[in-house]
Protein backbone atom coordinates (compact mmCIF):
# COMPACT_ATOMS: atom_id res chain seq x y z
CA MET A 1 131.85 120.90 67.08
CA GLY A 2 132.15 117.30 65.88
CA LEU A 3 134.24 114.16 65.71
CA VAL A 4 136.34 112.85 62.83
CA LYS A 5 137.45 109.22 62.98
CA ALA A 6 141.24 108.87 62.95
CA ALA A 7 143.25 106.14 61.27
CA ILE A 8 143.17 102.82 63.12
CA GLY A 9 146.38 102.27 65.08
CA ALA A 10 147.46 105.88 64.85
CA ALA A 11 147.17 106.48 68.58
CA GLY A 12 150.41 104.87 69.57
CA ALA A 13 152.52 106.31 66.78
CA LEU A 14 151.11 109.83 66.57
CA SER A 15 150.01 110.57 70.13
CA ASP A 16 152.84 113.07 70.62
CA GLN A 17 151.52 115.15 67.65
CA TRP A 18 148.15 115.71 69.22
CA LEU A 19 147.47 118.51 71.64
CA GLU A 20 145.42 116.16 73.79
CA ALA A 21 145.10 112.37 73.87
CA ILE A 22 142.01 111.80 76.01
CA GLU A 23 141.38 108.46 77.72
CA PRO A 24 138.95 107.28 80.46
CA ILE A 25 140.16 108.30 83.92
CA TYR A 26 138.98 105.06 85.45
CA THR A 27 139.13 101.78 83.54
CA ALA A 28 138.44 99.00 86.13
CA ASP A 29 135.72 96.41 85.47
CA ASP A 30 133.36 98.01 88.03
CA MET A 31 133.38 101.39 86.17
CA VAL A 32 129.87 102.59 85.28
CA ILE A 33 130.53 106.23 84.27
CA THR A 34 133.88 108.00 84.07
CA LYS A 35 135.23 111.33 82.88
CA GLY A 36 137.84 111.46 80.17
CA ALA A 37 141.16 113.36 80.54
CA ASN A 38 144.64 113.61 79.07
CA LEU A 39 146.44 111.16 81.25
CA LYS A 40 149.85 112.19 79.90
CA ARG A 41 149.56 115.94 80.42
CA SER A 42 148.46 117.99 83.39
CA LYS A 43 145.94 120.15 81.63
CA SER A 44 142.40 121.08 82.65
CA HIS A 45 139.68 118.50 82.13
CA ASP A 46 137.29 121.25 81.00
CA ILE A 47 139.24 122.48 77.94
CA ILE A 48 139.50 120.29 74.84
CA PRO A 49 141.52 122.08 72.14
CA ASN A 50 140.72 121.72 68.49
CA GLY A 51 142.57 118.70 67.05
CA SER A 52 142.55 116.70 70.31
CA VAL A 53 142.20 112.95 70.00
CA ILE A 54 139.67 110.96 72.03
CA HIS A 55 140.08 107.24 72.52
CA VAL A 56 136.84 105.19 72.69
CA PRO A 57 137.39 101.66 74.12
CA SER A 58 135.13 98.79 73.06
CA ASN A 59 131.73 98.51 74.75
CA HIS A 60 131.65 102.17 75.76
CA VAL A 61 129.67 105.18 74.69
CA MET A 62 131.69 108.37 74.60
CA MET A 63 129.90 111.72 74.89
CA LEU A 64 131.49 115.04 74.03
CA LEU A 65 129.90 117.78 76.08
CA ASP A 66 130.04 121.46 75.18
CA GLY A 67 128.64 123.88 77.72
CA GLY A 68 127.00 121.03 79.57
CA LYS A 69 125.12 119.74 76.53
CA ILE A 70 125.98 116.87 74.22
CA ALA A 71 127.75 118.13 71.11
CA ASP A 72 128.62 114.69 69.70
CA TYR A 73 128.92 111.06 70.74
CA THR A 74 129.98 107.68 69.45
CA ALA A 75 129.47 104.08 70.37
CA GLU A 76 132.10 102.81 67.96
CA GLU A 77 135.50 101.72 69.20
CA GLY A 78 138.39 103.73 67.85
CA TYR A 79 140.21 107.12 67.87
CA TYR A 80 138.51 110.41 67.03
CA THR A 81 139.80 113.94 66.45
CA VAL A 82 137.87 116.97 67.65
CA ASN A 83 137.07 119.45 64.89
CA GLN A 84 135.54 122.70 66.07
CA SER A 85 134.27 123.57 62.56
CA GLN A 86 132.89 120.09 61.95
CA SER A 87 129.13 119.49 62.20
CA PRO A 88 128.20 116.85 64.78
CA SER A 89 128.75 113.35 63.34
CA ILE A 90 126.85 110.67 65.07
CA PHE A 91 128.67 107.31 65.24
CA ALA A 92 126.13 105.08 67.00
CA ASP A 93 126.13 101.67 65.37
CA GLN A 94 126.07 99.87 68.75
CA LEU A 95 122.96 101.74 69.92
CA ASP A 96 119.35 100.98 68.91
CA GLU A 97 117.25 103.51 67.07
CA ALA A 98 115.33 104.72 70.13
CA VAL A 99 118.56 105.57 71.97
CA GLN A 100 119.97 107.30 68.91
CA ASP A 101 116.83 109.39 68.51
CA LEU A 102 117.01 110.43 72.18
CA LEU A 103 120.68 111.35 71.89
CA SER A 104 119.97 113.33 68.72
CA ARG A 105 117.35 115.43 70.50
CA PHE A 106 119.83 116.40 73.17
CA ARG A 107 122.68 117.30 70.85
CA PHE A 108 124.08 120.83 71.03
CA GLY A 109 125.78 122.63 68.19
CA GLY A 110 127.38 126.05 68.03
CA VAL A 111 130.41 127.96 69.14
CA PRO A 112 132.58 126.11 71.64
CA SER A 113 132.03 127.21 75.22
CA GLN A 114 134.56 127.56 77.99
CA ARG A 115 133.59 124.20 79.51
CA GLN A 116 134.13 121.10 77.36
CA GLN A 117 134.17 117.59 78.80
CA VAL A 118 134.36 113.94 77.74
CA TYR A 119 132.34 111.21 79.52
CA TYR A 120 132.26 107.46 79.02
CA VAL A 121 129.39 105.10 79.87
CA ASN A 122 130.14 101.40 80.19
CA LEU A 123 127.88 99.25 77.93
CA SER A 124 129.28 95.89 79.18
CA GLU A 125 127.48 93.80 81.76
CA ILE A 126 128.43 95.25 85.17
CA LYS A 127 128.86 92.25 87.38
CA GLY A 128 129.47 91.48 91.04
CA ILE A 129 127.09 94.01 92.66
CA LYS A 130 126.44 92.76 96.15
CA PHE A 131 123.14 92.81 97.93
CA GLY A 132 121.88 91.74 101.37
CA THR A 133 118.58 91.92 103.23
CA LYS A 134 118.92 93.96 106.38
CA ASN A 135 115.52 92.79 107.76
CA PRO A 136 114.10 89.27 107.45
CA ILE A 137 111.93 88.52 104.43
CA ASN A 138 108.75 86.47 104.96
CA TYR A 139 108.32 83.27 102.96
CA TYR A 140 105.34 80.96 103.16
CA ASP A 141 106.62 77.41 102.66
CA HIS A 142 103.95 74.92 101.59
CA PHE A 143 106.08 71.92 102.63
CA TYR A 144 106.39 73.18 106.22
CA ASN A 145 102.94 74.75 106.03
CA ALA A 146 104.30 77.79 107.90
CA GLU A 147 105.36 81.41 107.43
CA LEU A 148 109.11 81.42 107.66
CA PHE A 149 111.50 84.41 107.82
CA LEU A 150 114.86 84.50 106.11
CA ARG A 151 117.74 86.77 105.29
CA ALA A 152 119.47 86.47 101.94
CA HIS A 153 122.66 87.80 100.39
CA GLY A 154 124.13 87.46 96.91
CA ILE A 155 125.20 89.28 93.79
CA PHE A 156 123.49 90.73 90.74
CA SER A 157 124.51 92.37 87.49
CA ILE A 158 123.08 95.20 85.42
CA LYS A 159 123.50 96.54 81.91
CA VAL A 160 123.03 100.08 80.60
CA THR A 161 120.56 100.08 77.70
CA ASP A 162 119.98 103.83 77.37
CA PRO A 163 123.31 105.59 78.06
CA LEU A 164 122.01 109.14 77.72
CA LEU A 165 119.06 108.62 80.05
CA PHE A 166 121.35 106.84 82.49
CA PHE A 167 123.91 109.65 82.28
CA MET A 168 121.28 112.29 82.89
CA GLN A 169 119.69 110.45 85.85
CA THR A 170 123.00 109.51 87.54
CA PRO A 171 124.92 112.73 88.01
CA LEU A 172 128.58 112.40 89.05
CA GLY A 173 128.66 115.70 90.89
CA GLU A 174 132.20 116.52 91.78
CA LYS A 175 133.41 112.94 91.33
CA ASP A 176 135.50 111.79 88.38
CA TYR A 177 133.81 108.40 88.05
CA LEU A 178 131.07 106.17 89.36
CA THR A 179 131.61 102.50 90.30
CA SER A 180 129.08 99.71 90.64
CA ALA A 181 129.41 99.79 94.43
CA GLN A 182 128.61 103.52 94.50
CA LEU A 183 125.69 102.95 92.18
CA ASN A 184 124.42 100.14 94.34
CA GLU A 185 124.02 102.57 97.24
CA GLN A 186 121.34 104.31 95.16
CA LEU A 187 119.68 101.10 93.92
CA ILE A 188 119.84 98.67 96.86
CA GLY A 189 116.59 99.74 98.47
CA GLU A 190 114.57 99.24 95.28
CA PHE A 191 116.39 95.98 94.55
CA VAL A 192 115.65 94.44 97.95
CA GLU A 193 112.02 95.49 97.60
CA ALA A 194 111.87 93.75 94.24
CA LEU A 195 113.68 90.72 95.70
CA GLN A 196 110.86 90.40 98.25
CA SER A 197 108.32 90.31 95.43
CA ALA A 198 110.35 87.81 93.43
CA ILE A 199 110.80 85.51 96.40
CA ASN A 200 107.02 85.71 97.08
CA GLN A 201 106.40 84.52 93.51
CA LEU A 202 108.55 81.48 94.18
CA SER A 203 106.60 80.84 97.33
CA ALA A 204 103.31 81.05 95.41
CA GLU A 205 104.60 78.41 92.99
CA GLY A 206 105.25 76.04 95.89
CA GLU A 207 109.03 76.11 95.87
CA ARG A 208 110.57 74.84 99.15
CA ILE A 209 112.58 77.40 101.00
CA SER A 210 115.66 75.17 100.97
CA PHE A 211 115.56 75.10 97.13
CA LEU A 212 115.91 78.90 96.69
CA LEU A 213 119.72 78.69 96.22
CA SER A 214 119.17 76.62 93.11
CA LYS A 215 116.60 78.99 91.56
CA SER A 216 118.98 81.75 90.46
CA ARG A 217 117.78 81.71 86.82
CA LEU A 218 114.10 81.89 87.78
CA LEU A 219 114.86 84.58 90.35
CA SER A 220 116.67 86.69 87.74
CA GLN A 221 113.69 86.33 85.44
CA TYR A 222 111.26 87.54 88.10
CA LEU A 223 113.55 90.41 89.13
CA SER A 224 113.86 91.50 85.54
CA GLN A 225 110.08 91.53 85.14
CA ILE A 226 109.64 93.55 88.30
CA LEU A 227 112.51 96.05 87.91
CA ASP A 228 112.94 96.43 84.12
CA ASP A 229 109.76 98.47 83.68
CA SER A 230 110.92 100.89 86.37
CA TRP A 231 114.65 100.91 85.91
CA GLN A 232 114.69 100.89 82.12
CA LYS A 233 112.18 103.68 81.74
CA ARG A 234 113.53 105.79 84.58
CA LEU A 235 117.23 105.00 84.61
CA GLY A 236 118.04 103.25 81.33
CA ILE A 237 119.36 100.03 82.90
CA VAL A 238 118.14 96.40 83.19
CA VAL A 239 118.95 93.48 85.51
CA GLU A 240 121.04 90.91 83.63
CA SER A 241 121.40 88.26 86.35
CA ALA A 242 120.95 87.68 90.06
CA ALA A 243 122.03 84.89 92.43
CA ILE A 244 121.38 84.16 96.07
CA ILE A 245 124.63 82.96 97.62
CA GLY A 246 123.52 82.39 101.19
CA LEU A 247 120.31 82.02 103.23
CA SER A 248 119.82 82.25 106.99
CA TYR A 249 116.64 81.95 109.06
CA ASP A 250 115.56 83.78 112.19
CA ASP A 251 115.60 81.71 115.40
CA GLU A 252 111.89 80.82 115.39
CA SER A 253 111.94 79.71 111.77
CA GLN A 254 115.07 77.57 112.37
CA GLU A 255 113.46 76.00 115.38
CA LEU A 256 110.30 75.15 113.41
CA ILE A 257 112.34 73.70 110.54
CA ASN A 258 114.35 71.53 112.93
CA LEU A 259 111.15 70.35 114.67
CA ARG A 260 109.48 69.51 111.38
CA ASN A 261 112.52 67.60 110.11
CA GLN A 262 112.79 65.66 113.36
CA GLY A 263 109.11 64.73 113.07
CA ALA A 264 109.62 63.59 109.48
CA MET A 265 112.48 61.33 110.57
CA LEU A 266 110.43 59.82 113.43
CA SER A 267 107.58 58.99 111.04
CA ASP A 268 109.82 56.23 109.68
CA PRO A 269 109.10 53.16 111.92
CA LEU A 270 112.67 52.01 111.82
CA VAL A 271 114.06 55.37 112.90
CA ARG A 272 111.31 55.73 115.55
CA ALA A 273 112.01 52.33 117.04
CA GLY A 274 115.73 53.04 117.12
CA TYR A 275 115.06 56.39 118.78
CA CYS A 276 112.87 54.75 121.46
CA GLN A 277 115.50 52.04 122.12
CA GLY A 278 118.26 54.63 122.34
CA ALA A 279 116.16 56.73 124.75
CA ALA A 280 115.60 53.63 126.90
CA ALA A 281 119.34 52.87 127.00
CA ARG A 282 120.15 56.44 127.94
CA GLY A 283 117.53 56.29 130.70
CA MET A 284 119.10 53.17 132.15
CA GLU A 285 122.55 54.81 132.15
CA LYS A 286 121.18 57.83 133.99
CA ALA A 287 119.33 55.62 136.46
CA ALA A 288 122.51 53.70 137.28
CA SER A 289 124.35 56.96 138.01
CA ASN A 290 121.51 58.61 139.95
CA ALA A 291 122.84 60.83 142.72
CA GLN A 292 120.18 59.44 145.14
CA GLY A 293 121.27 55.88 144.47
CA ALA A 294 120.81 53.42 141.66
CA VAL A 295 117.80 51.80 143.36
CA ASN A 296 115.86 55.08 143.38
CA GLY A 297 116.99 55.73 139.81
CA PHE A 298 115.70 52.43 138.52
CA LEU A 299 112.39 52.86 140.39
CA GLY A 300 111.92 56.15 138.58
CA TYR A 301 112.96 54.52 135.31
CA GLN A 302 110.40 51.70 135.74
CA MET A 303 107.65 54.26 136.44
CA ALA A 304 108.51 56.19 133.30
CA ALA A 305 108.77 52.97 131.30
CA ARG A 306 105.24 51.97 132.34
CA ASN A 307 103.88 55.38 131.25
CA MET A 308 105.75 55.17 127.96
CA GLY A 309 104.91 51.56 127.32
CA ALA A 310 102.04 52.29 125.01
CA PHE A 311 104.07 54.74 122.95
CA TYR A 312 107.03 52.39 122.77
CA GLN A 313 104.84 49.50 121.69
CA ALA A 314 103.22 51.60 118.98
CA SER A 315 106.67 52.67 117.85
CA SER A 316 108.00 49.15 117.55
CA VAL A 317 108.60 47.89 114.05
CA ASP A 318 107.02 44.60 115.04
CA GLN A 319 103.65 46.37 115.43
CA GLN A 320 103.89 47.72 111.85
CA TRP A 321 102.95 45.62 108.84
CA ARG A 322 102.70 46.38 105.15
CA CYS A 323 99.33 45.73 103.52
CA HIS A 324 99.15 44.29 99.99
CA CYS A 325 98.08 47.79 98.89
CA GLY A 326 101.48 49.07 99.93
CA HIS A 327 100.28 51.02 102.98
CA MET A 328 102.14 50.66 106.38
CA ALA A 329 99.50 49.70 108.92
CA SER A 330 99.25 49.01 112.61
CA GLY A 331 96.60 46.99 114.45
CA ASN A 332 94.51 44.31 112.75
CA PHE A 333 93.15 46.30 109.80
CA CYS A 334 94.67 48.45 107.09
CA ALA A 335 93.55 52.08 107.41
CA ASN A 336 93.97 52.57 103.61
CA CYS A 337 91.95 49.68 102.17
CA GLY A 338 90.48 47.92 105.18
CA ALA A 339 92.21 44.60 104.57
CA ASN A 340 92.55 42.18 107.53
CA ARG A 341 96.10 41.64 108.78
CA GLU A 342 95.59 37.83 108.53
CA GLN A 343 94.54 38.20 104.92
CA THR A 344 97.91 39.73 104.19
CA ALA A 345 99.98 37.21 106.10
CA ALA A 346 101.27 35.82 102.83
CA PHE A 347 103.11 39.13 102.29
CA CYS A 348 106.27 40.41 103.94
CA PRO A 349 105.43 42.96 106.67
CA ASN A 350 108.50 44.96 105.72
CA CYS A 351 108.46 45.26 101.93
CA GLY A 352 105.10 43.75 100.98
CA SER A 353 106.57 40.98 98.75
CA LYS A 354 104.83 37.61 98.52
CA THR A 355 106.33 35.14 101.04
CA ASN A 356 105.03 31.79 99.68
CA GLY A 357 105.20 30.29 103.16
CA ALA A 358 108.96 30.94 103.61
CA ASN A 359 110.54 31.70 107.04
CA PHE A 360 112.42 34.70 105.54
CA CYS A 361 111.46 37.17 102.87
CA SER A 362 113.41 36.50 99.69
CA HIS A 363 113.30 40.17 98.73
CA CYS A 364 114.50 41.98 101.89
CA GLY A 365 115.51 39.20 104.31
CA GLN A 366 112.82 40.09 106.94
CA LYS A 367 112.16 37.18 109.39
CA LEU A 368 108.57 35.94 109.01
CA GLY A 369 106.26 34.12 111.33
């Protein structure tokens, strides 16, 4: 039982002359494996008469099964007639030698059985497979110096590199076709486990957690390294690409990130001084509207102000000065180089530029003296 390549373009003109004109049952972009059948006639899928024509679309491998074993196959686009007396003819130009050898070992020749079927395997990149982490993934962020926990969702794509191995390891059962979504149900557990390892590699390289969305190419590379050895040898597929679309943090991680970001903002003396002044203004407003009377409110405000005086004074921009070494200092000596504040009086306390005795800095406009 073998295949004979028909004349190009004959399918449309001569289809009525053939006993069967077999096409893929399912042709959407998410098709992974599908059975072939005569879509114009209501005949059994399991009987392929001699002289039937099989259409092979581009980027597909078609396998002709006889008694459950592969009698012939082709990876070349075109139309083929079934010849029961023809020896198997292997058209496999799109497959590498290793796959061709494997297919050859599983060929079956002989008298046609009572069960003959056609199957197609998609060789194109199968895109848009969705993933999501059900449980939070831990991520050590060196910037925050903390173990954070995140959930991620996104998409990835795969490609079949060994169609026979993939076909043998992914049985359809009673179904007529397999889609990428159905395949993902089988793969998602392994994929998420590999995603955890790939994300940990990004953590080890010091990537900030907020940069993960922009690391799709690197993430794909790590996922390929982790999964390809397993999936290619066991299933005949590889990961082509992967992208994280969204990240979310658990409540404790989000609180820590917010606290760290707030602290980073308050390390800026200008922001810190503005925050203190704003807090003082809000305190006065609350004191004036105190339910026990404005007098009691302002007494409480004055008590709090005295306790916060040291902090407020340390937060004031006027207490900060820039040493000639560029370091922002407080007090009379620079903590970085030990220079005396008076020795650096000829420099602007805001930007560090030389003042040359001027009343205002010519670089940033800071009032001097």
